[in-house]
Amino acid sequence: MRLHCGSVMSLVAVLFAAQLAWAQERAGTLSIRGDVLKPGRWAVDDLKRQFAKEIQTVKFTSGSDKKQRVGTGVPLLALIQAAEPKTEKVPKHYDLTFLVILEASDSYRVFFSLAELLPQCGHAQVWLLWEADGKLLSGNEAPFRLAVLTDEGHDRCIYGIASMTLVDGTKLATQLASGK
């Protein structure tokens, strides 16, 4: 069976339109995946509904000039807990081995240990923001950015966050040790 040029062009157009629709659906969302019981995608409106009681306005600095800004969002830990990391009961404090990887749409990544985010350990003040200075984030900052209030520098104040991956550090260490 031969495909005509018109048929091929129609197929390409359909595939392109489907890819564009998929990308637009995903734009403005944060995907959560990895070693969690509840992976998913979150848009700003989803976070506002789900975490209404935890929304706060925080002051943070951004950029090398350390400009003071005000942002609205939720603690990153709240989102992690909602995703429910897959933890084991043994060994003790299994949850402290988890790693949190945030990735921006430009592929920049920052890392946290779950232990540093927990109040009983590091108690890092990390906020997932969707608004800064009274406006929704836009351009390369959208849909979300981090404000890490307890860091001295701004290296982990990532913006344009597209995904968060939770990694079970115990399983990862076991895999690396066994060479798999």
N, C-alpha and C. Protein backbone atom coordinates (compact mmCIF):
# COMPACT_ATOMS: atom_id res chain seq x y z
N MET A 1 0.84 -1.18 0.00
CA MET A 1 0.00 0.00 0.00
C MET A 1 0.89 1.24 0.00
N ARG A 2 0.58 2.16 -0.83
CA ARG A 2 1.38 3.37 -0.95
C ARG A 2 0.67 4.52 -0.25
N LEU A 3 1.46 5.31 0.44
CA LEU A 3 0.93 6.52 1.05
C LEU A 3 1.17 7.68 0.11
N HIS A 4 0.18 8.45 -0.08
CA HIS A 4 0.32 9.63 -0.91
C HIS A 4 0.86 10.78 -0.07
N CYS A 5 1.50 11.71 -0.73
CA CYS A 5 2.09 12.87 -0.04
C CYS A 5 1.04 13.58 0.81
N GLY A 6 -0.16 13.72 0.32
CA GLY A 6 -1.23 14.37 1.07
C GLY A 6 -1.57 13.61 2.34
N SER A 7 -1.55 12.26 2.27
CA SER A 7 -1.85 11.44 3.44
C SER A 7 -0.76 11.58 4.49
N VAL A 8 0.49 11.61 4.05
CA VAL A 8 1.61 11.78 4.97
C VAL A 8 1.53 13.15 5.64
N MET A 9 1.24 14.18 4.86
CA MET A 9 1.14 15.53 5.42
C MET A 9 -0.01 15.61 6.43
N SER A 10 -1.12 14.95 6.13
CA SER A 10 -2.25 14.94 7.06
C SER A 10 -1.88 14.24 8.36
N LEU A 11 -1.17 13.13 8.25
CA LEU A 11 -0.74 12.39 9.43
C LEU A 11 0.21 13.24 10.28
N VAL A 12 1.15 13.91 9.63
CA VAL A 12 2.09 14.78 10.34
C VAL A 12 1.33 15.90 11.04
N ALA A 13 0.36 16.49 10.37
CA ALA A 13 -0.43 17.58 10.96
C ALA A 13 -1.20 17.10 12.18
N VAL A 14 -1.80 15.92 12.10
CA VAL A 14 -2.54 15.36 13.23
C VAL A 14 -1.61 15.09 14.41
N LEU A 15 -0.45 14.50 14.14
CA LEU A 15 0.50 14.21 15.21
C LEU A 15 1.03 15.50 15.85
N PHE A 16 1.31 16.49 15.03
CA PHE A 16 1.78 17.78 15.55
C PHE A 16 0.72 18.42 16.44
N ALA A 17 -0.53 18.41 15.99
CA ALA A 17 -1.63 18.99 16.77
C ALA A 17 -1.81 18.25 18.09
N ALA A 18 -1.69 16.93 18.07
CA ALA A 18 -1.82 16.14 19.30
C ALA A 18 -0.68 16.48 20.27
N GLN A 19 0.53 16.60 19.77
CA GLN A 19 1.67 16.94 20.61
C GLN A 19 1.50 18.34 21.20
N LEU A 20 1.04 19.28 20.42
CA LEU A 20 0.83 20.64 20.88
C LEU A 20 -0.26 20.68 21.96
N ALA A 21 -1.33 19.95 21.76
CA ALA A 21 -2.40 19.90 22.76
C ALA A 21 -1.90 19.29 24.06
N TRP A 22 -1.10 18.23 23.96
CA TRP A 22 -0.53 17.58 25.15
C TRP A 22 0.38 18.56 25.89
N ALA A 23 1.20 19.28 25.16
CA ALA A 23 2.13 20.24 25.78
C ALA A 23 1.37 21.38 26.46
N GLN A 24 0.30 21.86 25.81
CA GLN A 24 -0.48 22.94 26.40
C GLN A 24 -1.20 22.47 27.66
N GLU A 25 -1.67 21.23 27.65
CA GLU A 25 -2.34 20.68 28.83
C GLU A 25 -1.36 20.60 29.99
N ARG A 26 -0.10 20.27 29.70
CA ARG A 26 0.91 20.11 30.73
C ARG A 26 1.53 21.44 31.16
N ALA A 27 1.45 22.44 30.32
CA ALA A 27 2.02 23.75 30.66
C ALA A 27 1.27 24.29 31.88
N GLY A 28 2.00 24.90 32.77
CA GLY A 28 1.37 25.46 33.94
C GLY A 28 1.13 24.45 35.04
N THR A 29 1.72 23.26 34.91
CA THR A 29 1.55 22.24 35.94
C THR A 29 2.90 21.76 36.44
N LEU A 30 2.85 21.15 37.60
CA LEU A 30 4.02 20.53 38.22
C LEU A 30 3.72 19.05 38.33
N SER A 31 4.55 18.21 37.72
CA SER A 31 4.35 16.77 37.84
C SER A 31 5.14 16.26 39.04
N ILE A 32 4.53 15.34 39.77
CA ILE A 32 5.18 14.72 40.92
C ILE A 32 5.22 13.23 40.64
N ARG A 33 6.44 12.68 40.75
CA ARG A 33 6.64 11.27 40.38
C ARG A 33 7.74 10.66 41.23
N GLY A 34 8.02 9.42 40.95
CA GLY A 34 9.09 8.73 41.67
C GLY A 34 8.54 7.74 42.67
N ASP A 35 9.21 7.62 43.79
CA ASP A 35 8.85 6.65 44.82
C ASP A 35 7.76 7.23 45.73
N VAL A 36 6.59 7.45 45.11
CA VAL A 36 5.44 8.00 45.84
C VAL A 36 4.21 7.15 45.56
N LEU A 37 3.27 7.18 46.51
CA LEU A 37 2.01 6.45 46.33
C LEU A 37 1.02 7.24 45.48
N LYS A 38 1.16 8.57 45.46
CA LYS A 38 0.21 9.40 44.74
C LYS A 38 0.92 10.34 43.76
N PRO A 39 1.41 9.80 42.65
CA PRO A 39 2.00 10.69 41.64
C PRO A 39 0.88 11.50 40.98
N GLY A 40 1.25 12.58 40.33
CA GLY A 40 0.23 13.36 39.65
C GLY A 40 0.74 14.67 39.14
N ARG A 41 -0.20 15.50 38.70
CA ARG A 41 0.09 16.83 38.17
C ARG A 41 -0.71 17.84 38.97
N TRP A 42 -0.06 18.95 39.28
CA TRP A 42 -0.70 20.00 40.05
C TRP A 42 -0.61 21.32 39.29
N ALA A 43 -1.75 21.96 39.14
CA ALA A 43 -1.81 23.33 38.61
C ALA A 43 -1.98 24.27 39.80
N VAL A 44 -1.80 25.54 39.58
CA VAL A 44 -1.93 26.53 40.65
C VAL A 44 -3.30 26.41 41.33
N ASP A 45 -4.37 26.33 40.55
CA ASP A 45 -5.71 26.24 41.13
C ASP A 45 -5.87 24.98 41.98
N ASP A 46 -5.25 23.87 41.56
CA ASP A 46 -5.30 22.63 42.35
C ASP A 46 -4.66 22.85 43.72
N LEU A 47 -3.50 23.50 43.73
CA LEU A 47 -2.80 23.75 44.99
C LEU A 47 -3.61 24.68 45.89
N LYS A 48 -4.22 25.68 45.31
CA LYS A 48 -5.02 26.61 46.10
C LYS A 48 -6.19 25.90 46.78
N ARG A 49 -6.81 24.96 46.06
CA ARG A 49 -7.92 24.20 46.64
C ARG A 49 -7.44 23.20 47.69
N GLN A 50 -6.45 22.40 47.33
CA GLN A 50 -5.98 21.31 48.20
C GLN A 50 -5.31 21.83 49.48
N PHE A 51 -4.58 22.91 49.38
CA PHE A 51 -3.78 23.39 50.51
C PHE A 51 -4.22 24.77 50.99
N ALA A 52 -5.51 25.06 50.91
CA ALA A 52 -6.03 26.39 51.25
C ALA A 52 -5.58 26.85 52.64
N LYS A 53 -5.55 25.96 53.59
CA LYS A 53 -5.19 26.33 54.97
C LYS A 53 -3.70 26.58 55.15
N GLU A 54 -2.89 26.13 54.19
CA GLU A 54 -1.43 26.27 54.32
C GLU A 54 -0.84 27.40 53.48
N ILE A 55 -1.66 28.05 52.69
CA ILE A 55 -1.18 29.14 51.84
C ILE A 55 -0.72 30.30 52.72
N GLN A 56 0.46 30.79 52.41
CA GLN A 56 1.01 31.93 53.14
C GLN A 56 1.74 32.87 52.18
N THR A 57 1.92 34.06 52.65
CA THR A 57 2.74 35.04 51.95
C THR A 57 4.07 35.10 52.68
N VAL A 58 5.17 34.98 51.93
CA VAL A 58 6.51 34.98 52.53
C VAL A 58 7.39 36.01 51.83
N LYS A 59 8.35 36.53 52.58
CA LYS A 59 9.35 37.44 52.00
C LYS A 59 10.56 36.61 51.63
N PHE A 60 11.10 36.87 50.44
CA PHE A 60 12.28 36.15 49.97
C PHE A 60 13.13 37.08 49.13
N THR A 61 14.36 36.69 48.90
CA THR A 61 15.24 37.45 48.02
C THR A 61 15.47 36.65 46.75
N SER A 62 15.71 37.36 45.67
CA SER A 62 15.98 36.67 44.41
C SER A 62 17.06 37.40 43.64
N GLY A 63 17.74 36.66 42.81
CA GLY A 63 18.78 37.22 41.95
C GLY A 63 20.05 37.55 42.70
N SER A 64 21.09 37.83 41.94
CA SER A 64 22.39 38.14 42.54
C SER A 64 22.37 39.47 43.29
N ASP A 65 21.40 40.35 42.95
CA ASP A 65 21.29 41.62 43.67
C ASP A 65 20.50 41.48 44.97
N LYS A 66 20.00 40.25 45.23
CA LYS A 66 19.25 39.92 46.45
C LYS A 66 18.07 40.86 46.67
N LYS A 67 17.36 41.11 45.59
CA LYS A 67 16.18 41.97 45.65
C LYS A 67 15.12 41.33 46.55
N GLN A 68 14.57 42.12 47.46
CA GLN A 68 13.53 41.65 48.37
C GLN A 68 12.21 41.55 47.62
N ARG A 69 11.54 40.39 47.74
CA ARG A 69 10.26 40.17 47.08
C ARG A 69 9.28 39.55 48.07
N VAL A 70 8.03 39.52 47.69
CA VAL A 70 6.98 38.89 48.49
C VAL A 70 6.28 37.88 47.60
N GLY A 71 6.12 36.66 48.09
CA GLY A 71 5.50 35.62 47.28
C GLY A 71 4.40 34.89 48.04
N THR A 72 3.53 34.24 47.29
CA THR A 72 2.43 33.47 47.85
C THR A 72 2.58 32.02 47.41
N GLY A 73 2.43 31.10 48.38
CA GLY A 73 2.53 29.69 48.05
C GLY A 73 2.33 28.81 49.27
N VAL A 74 2.84 27.59 49.17
CA VAL A 74 2.68 26.59 50.22
C VAL A 74 4.05 25.99 50.55
N PRO A 75 4.19 25.43 51.74
CA PRO A 75 5.45 24.75 52.05
C PRO A 75 5.66 23.56 51.10
N LEU A 76 6.87 23.42 50.60
CA LEU A 76 7.18 22.28 49.73
C LEU A 76 6.89 20.97 50.43
N LEU A 77 7.16 20.91 51.72
CA LEU A 77 6.93 19.69 52.50
C LEU A 77 5.46 19.25 52.44
N ALA A 78 4.53 20.19 52.41
CA ALA A 78 3.11 19.83 52.33
C ALA A 78 2.81 19.06 51.05
N LEU A 79 3.38 19.48 49.95
CA LEU A 79 3.18 18.81 48.67
C LEU A 79 3.82 17.42 48.68
N ILE A 80 5.00 17.32 49.27
CA ILE A 80 5.68 16.02 49.38
C ILE A 80 4.85 15.06 50.21
N GLN A 81 4.34 15.52 51.34
CA GLN A 81 3.53 14.67 52.19
C GLN A 81 2.25 14.25 51.49
N ALA A 82 1.65 15.12 50.68
CA ALA A 82 0.43 14.78 49.94
C ALA A 82 0.72 13.69 48.89
N ALA A 83 1.93 13.68 48.35
CA ALA A 83 2.31 12.66 47.36
C ALA A 83 2.57 11.31 48.03
N GLU A 84 2.77 11.29 49.33
CA GLU A 84 2.99 10.10 50.14
C GLU A 84 4.19 9.26 49.67
N PRO A 85 5.39 9.65 50.10
CA PRO A 85 6.57 8.84 49.77
C PRO A 85 6.38 7.39 50.22
N LYS A 86 6.83 6.46 49.39
CA LYS A 86 6.72 5.02 49.71
C LYS A 86 7.80 4.65 50.71
N THR A 87 7.45 4.67 51.97
CA THR A 87 8.44 4.35 53.00
C THR A 87 8.17 2.97 53.58
N GLU A 88 9.21 2.38 54.11
CA GLU A 88 9.13 1.08 54.77
C GLU A 88 9.15 1.33 56.28
N LYS A 89 8.66 0.36 57.04
CA LYS A 89 8.68 0.51 58.50
C LYS A 89 10.06 0.21 59.08
N VAL A 90 10.84 -0.56 58.35
CA VAL A 90 12.19 -0.91 58.80
C VAL A 90 13.13 -0.54 57.67
N PRO A 91 14.25 0.02 57.89
CA PRO A 91 14.84 0.38 59.17
C PRO A 91 14.22 1.65 59.74
N LYS A 92 14.58 1.92 60.97
CA LYS A 92 14.09 3.10 61.68
C LYS A 92 14.43 4.36 60.87
N HIS A 93 13.51 5.31 60.85
CA HIS A 93 13.68 6.60 60.15
C HIS A 93 13.94 6.44 58.66
N TYR A 94 13.28 5.48 58.04
CA TYR A 94 13.44 5.21 56.61
C TYR A 94 13.19 6.46 55.77
N ASP A 95 12.21 7.29 56.20
CA ASP A 95 11.85 8.48 55.41
C ASP A 95 13.00 9.49 55.31
N LEU A 96 13.95 9.43 56.23
CA LEU A 96 15.06 10.38 56.21
C LEU A 96 16.03 10.13 55.05
N THR A 97 15.89 8.99 54.39
CA THR A 97 16.80 8.66 53.29
C THR A 97 16.31 9.19 51.94
N PHE A 98 15.11 9.75 51.89
CA PHE A 98 14.56 10.19 50.60
C PHE A 98 15.25 11.45 50.08
N LEU A 99 15.35 11.52 48.76
CA LEU A 99 15.89 12.68 48.07
C LEU A 99 14.76 13.34 47.28
N VAL A 100 14.79 14.65 47.22
CA VAL A 100 13.79 15.42 46.49
C VAL A 100 14.53 16.17 45.38
N ILE A 101 14.12 15.91 44.15
CA ILE A 101 14.75 16.54 42.99
C ILE A 101 13.70 17.41 42.30
N LEU A 102 14.00 18.69 42.18
CA LEU A 102 13.11 19.61 41.47
C LEU A 102 13.80 20.00 40.17
N GLU A 103 13.04 19.97 39.08
CA GLU A 103 13.60 20.30 37.77
C GLU A 103 12.79 21.39 37.10
N ALA A 104 13.49 22.37 36.56
CA ALA A 104 12.85 23.47 35.83
C ALA A 104 12.67 23.08 34.37
N SER A 105 11.86 23.84 33.68
CA SER A 105 11.63 23.58 32.26
C SER A 105 12.89 23.73 31.43
N ASP A 106 13.90 24.47 31.94
CA ASP A 106 15.17 24.61 31.22
C ASP A 106 16.19 23.55 31.65
N SER A 107 15.75 22.54 32.39
CA SER A 107 16.55 21.40 32.85
C SER A 107 17.45 21.69 34.06
N TYR A 108 17.39 22.89 34.62
CA TYR A 108 18.13 23.17 35.86
C TYR A 108 17.51 22.35 36.97
N ARG A 109 18.34 21.76 37.82
CA ARG A 109 17.85 20.92 38.91
C ARG A 109 18.43 21.36 40.24
N VAL A 110 17.63 21.20 41.29
CA VAL A 110 18.10 21.38 42.65
C VAL A 110 17.67 20.16 43.46
N PHE A 111 18.42 19.90 44.52
CA PHE A 111 18.21 18.71 45.32
C PHE A 111 18.06 19.07 46.79
N PHE A 112 17.23 18.32 47.48
CA PHE A 112 17.07 18.42 48.92
C PHE A 112 17.01 17.00 49.47
N SER A 113 17.44 16.83 50.69
CA SER A 113 17.13 15.57 51.37
C SER A 113 15.80 15.82 52.07
N LEU A 114 14.99 14.79 52.16
CA LEU A 114 13.73 14.95 52.87
C LEU A 114 14.00 15.30 54.33
N ALA A 115 15.09 14.77 54.88
CA ALA A 115 15.44 15.04 56.28
C ALA A 115 15.61 16.53 56.53
N GLU A 116 16.24 17.26 55.61
CA GLU A 116 16.44 18.69 55.86
C GLU A 116 15.15 19.48 55.80
N LEU A 117 14.10 18.93 55.19
CA LEU A 117 12.82 19.61 55.11
C LEU A 117 11.91 19.33 56.31
N LEU A 118 12.16 18.23 57.01
CA LEU A 118 11.31 17.84 58.13
C LEU A 118 11.58 18.70 59.36
N PRO A 119 10.54 19.06 60.10
CA PRO A 119 10.72 19.93 61.27
C PRO A 119 11.61 19.32 62.35
N GLN A 120 11.61 18.00 62.50
CA GLN A 120 12.42 17.37 63.54
C GLN A 120 13.89 17.24 63.17
N CYS A 121 14.24 17.57 61.94
CA CYS A 121 15.65 17.47 61.51
C CYS A 121 16.16 18.85 61.09
N GLY A 122 16.18 19.08 59.81
CA GLY A 122 16.76 20.33 59.30
C GLY A 122 15.85 21.53 59.36
N HIS A 123 14.55 21.29 59.24
CA HIS A 123 13.53 22.34 59.29
C HIS A 123 13.82 23.48 58.31
N ALA A 124 14.30 23.12 57.12
CA ALA A 124 14.54 24.14 56.08
C ALA A 124 13.20 24.76 55.69
N GLN A 125 13.19 26.04 55.51
CA GLN A 125 11.98 26.78 55.13
C GLN A 125 11.97 26.93 53.61
N VAL A 126 11.27 25.99 52.94
CA VAL A 126 11.23 25.94 51.49
C VAL A 126 9.78 26.09 51.04
N TRP A 127 9.53 27.09 50.22
CA TRP A 127 8.18 27.41 49.78
C TRP A 127 8.05 27.26 48.28
N LEU A 128 6.97 26.62 47.85
CA LEU A 128 6.62 26.53 46.44
C LEU A 128 5.66 27.69 46.16
N LEU A 129 6.12 28.64 45.37
CA LEU A 129 5.36 29.86 45.11
C LEU A 129 4.78 29.88 43.70
N TRP A 130 3.60 30.46 43.57
CA TRP A 130 2.99 30.68 42.26
C TRP A 130 2.75 32.17 41.99
N GLU A 131 3.03 32.98 42.99
CA GLU A 131 2.80 34.41 42.85
C GLU A 131 3.98 35.15 43.48
N ALA A 132 4.39 36.24 42.86
CA ALA A 132 5.45 37.09 43.41
C ALA A 132 5.06 38.55 43.19
N ASP A 133 5.23 39.33 44.24
CA ASP A 133 4.94 40.76 44.20
C ASP A 133 3.52 41.05 43.71
N GLY A 134 2.57 40.22 44.15
CA GLY A 134 1.17 40.43 43.84
C GLY A 134 0.69 39.97 42.48
N LYS A 135 1.56 39.30 41.72
CA LYS A 135 1.18 38.84 40.38
C LYS A 135 1.51 37.36 40.22
N LEU A 136 0.69 36.66 39.43
CA LEU A 136 1.02 35.28 39.09
C LEU A 136 2.36 35.25 38.37
N LEU A 137 3.14 34.23 38.64
CA LEU A 137 4.42 34.10 37.93
C LEU A 137 4.16 33.98 36.44
N SER A 138 5.03 34.56 35.65
CA SER A 138 4.87 34.49 34.20
C SER A 138 6.24 34.30 33.56
N GLY A 139 6.22 34.09 32.26
CA GLY A 139 7.47 33.92 31.52
C GLY A 139 8.25 32.72 32.03
N ASN A 140 9.57 32.88 32.13
CA ASN A 140 10.41 31.75 32.53
C ASN A 140 10.28 31.41 34.01
N GLU A 141 9.63 32.25 34.82
CA GLU A 141 9.42 31.94 36.23
C GLU A 141 8.23 31.00 36.44
N ALA A 142 7.27 31.00 35.53
CA ALA A 142 6.03 30.24 35.68
C ALA A 142 6.25 28.75 35.43
N PRO A 143 5.47 27.87 35.97
CA PRO A 143 4.31 28.18 36.81
C PRO A 143 4.66 28.31 38.30
N PHE A 144 5.80 27.74 38.70
CA PHE A 144 6.17 27.75 40.12
C PHE A 144 7.65 28.09 40.28
N ARG A 145 7.98 28.60 41.44
CA ARG A 145 9.37 28.83 41.81
C ARG A 145 9.52 28.46 43.27
N LEU A 146 10.76 28.27 43.70
CA LEU A 146 11.03 28.01 45.11
C LEU A 146 11.57 29.26 45.76
N ALA A 147 11.25 29.41 47.03
CA ALA A 147 11.90 30.38 47.89
C ALA A 147 12.46 29.57 49.04
N VAL A 148 13.79 29.55 49.17
CA VAL A 148 14.44 28.80 50.24
C VAL A 148 14.92 29.82 51.26
N LEU A 149 14.09 30.03 52.26
CA LEU A 149 14.33 31.11 53.22
C LEU A 149 15.51 30.84 54.15
N THR A 150 15.87 29.58 54.32
CA THR A 150 16.94 29.24 55.25
C THR A 150 18.30 29.08 54.59
N ASP A 151 18.39 29.21 53.28
CA ASP A 151 19.68 29.15 52.59
C ASP A 151 20.30 30.55 52.54
N GLU A 152 21.61 30.61 52.71
CA GLU A 152 22.31 31.90 52.63
C GLU A 152 22.38 32.41 51.19
N GLY A 153 22.65 31.51 50.26
CA GLY A 153 22.74 31.89 48.85
C GLY A 153 21.40 31.69 48.16
N HIS A 154 21.40 31.88 46.87
CA HIS A 154 20.17 31.72 46.09
C HIS A 154 20.26 30.60 45.07
N ASP A 155 21.24 29.70 45.22
CA ASP A 155 21.46 28.66 44.23
C ASP A 155 20.30 27.67 44.10
N ARG A 156 19.54 27.46 45.19
CA ARG A 156 18.43 26.52 45.11
C ARG A 156 17.08 27.21 44.94
N CYS A 157 17.09 28.48 44.64
CA CYS A 157 15.83 29.20 44.38
C CYS A 157 15.46 29.05 42.91
N ILE A 158 15.12 27.87 42.56
CA ILE A 158 14.80 27.49 41.18
C ILE A 158 13.44 28.07 40.77
N TYR A 159 13.30 28.42 39.51
CA TYR A 159 12.03 28.90 38.98
C TYR A 159 11.70 28.17 37.69
N GLY A 160 10.45 28.29 37.26
CA GLY A 160 9.99 27.54 36.08
C GLY A 160 9.92 26.06 36.37
N ILE A 161 9.57 25.70 37.60
CA ILE A 161 9.60 24.29 38.02
C ILE A 161 8.55 23.50 37.26
N ALA A 162 8.99 22.41 36.64
CA ALA A 162 8.10 21.55 35.85
C ALA A 162 7.86 20.21 36.52
N SER A 163 8.82 19.74 37.34
CA SER A 163 8.64 18.42 37.95
C SER A 163 9.35 18.31 39.29
N MET A 164 8.83 17.38 40.09
CA MET A 164 9.46 17.01 41.35
C MET A 164 9.49 15.48 41.38
N THR A 165 10.67 14.94 41.66
CA THR A 165 10.84 13.50 41.74
C THR A 165 11.35 13.15 43.13
N LEU A 166 10.68 12.21 43.77
CA LEU A 166 11.13 11.71 45.06
C LEU A 166 11.82 10.38 44.83
N VAL A 167 13.00 10.25 45.41
CA VAL A 167 13.83 9.06 45.21
C VAL A 167 14.09 8.42 46.57
N ASP A 168 13.83 7.13 46.64
CA ASP A 168 14.11 6.35 47.85
C ASP A 168 15.62 6.13 47.92
N GLY A 169 16.29 6.86 48.79
CA GLY A 169 17.75 6.79 48.90
C GLY A 169 18.27 5.44 49.35
N THR A 170 17.50 4.73 50.16
CA THR A 170 17.93 3.40 50.61
C THR A 170 17.97 2.44 49.44
N LYS A 171 16.92 2.44 48.63
CA LYS A 171 16.89 1.56 47.45
C LYS A 171 17.97 1.96 46.45
N LEU A 172 18.17 3.26 46.27
CA LEU A 172 19.20 3.74 45.35
C LEU A 172 20.58 3.31 45.81
N ALA A 173 20.87 3.45 47.10
CA ALA A 173 22.17 3.03 47.64
C ALA A 173 22.38 1.54 47.46
N THR A 174 21.34 0.76 47.67
CA THR A 174 21.44 -0.69 47.51
C THR A 174 21.73 -1.04 46.05
N GLN A 175 21.05 -0.37 45.11
CA GLN A 175 21.29 -0.59 43.68
C GLN A 175 22.71 -0.24 43.30
N LEU A 176 23.19 0.91 43.78
CA LEU A 176 24.55 1.33 43.45
C LEU A 176 25.59 0.39 44.03
N ALA A 177 25.36 -0.10 45.24
CA ALA A 177 26.29 -1.01 45.89
C ALA A 177 26.35 -2.35 45.17
N SER A 178 25.22 -2.78 44.61
CA SER A 178 25.20 -4.07 43.92
C SER A 178 25.62 -3.95 42.46
N GLY A 179 25.80 -2.73 41.98
CA GLY A 179 26.25 -2.52 40.60
C GLY A 179 25.15 -2.67 39.58
N LYS A 180 23.89 -2.61 39.98
CA LYS A 180 22.76 -2.76 39.05
C LYS A 180 22.37 -1.44 38.46
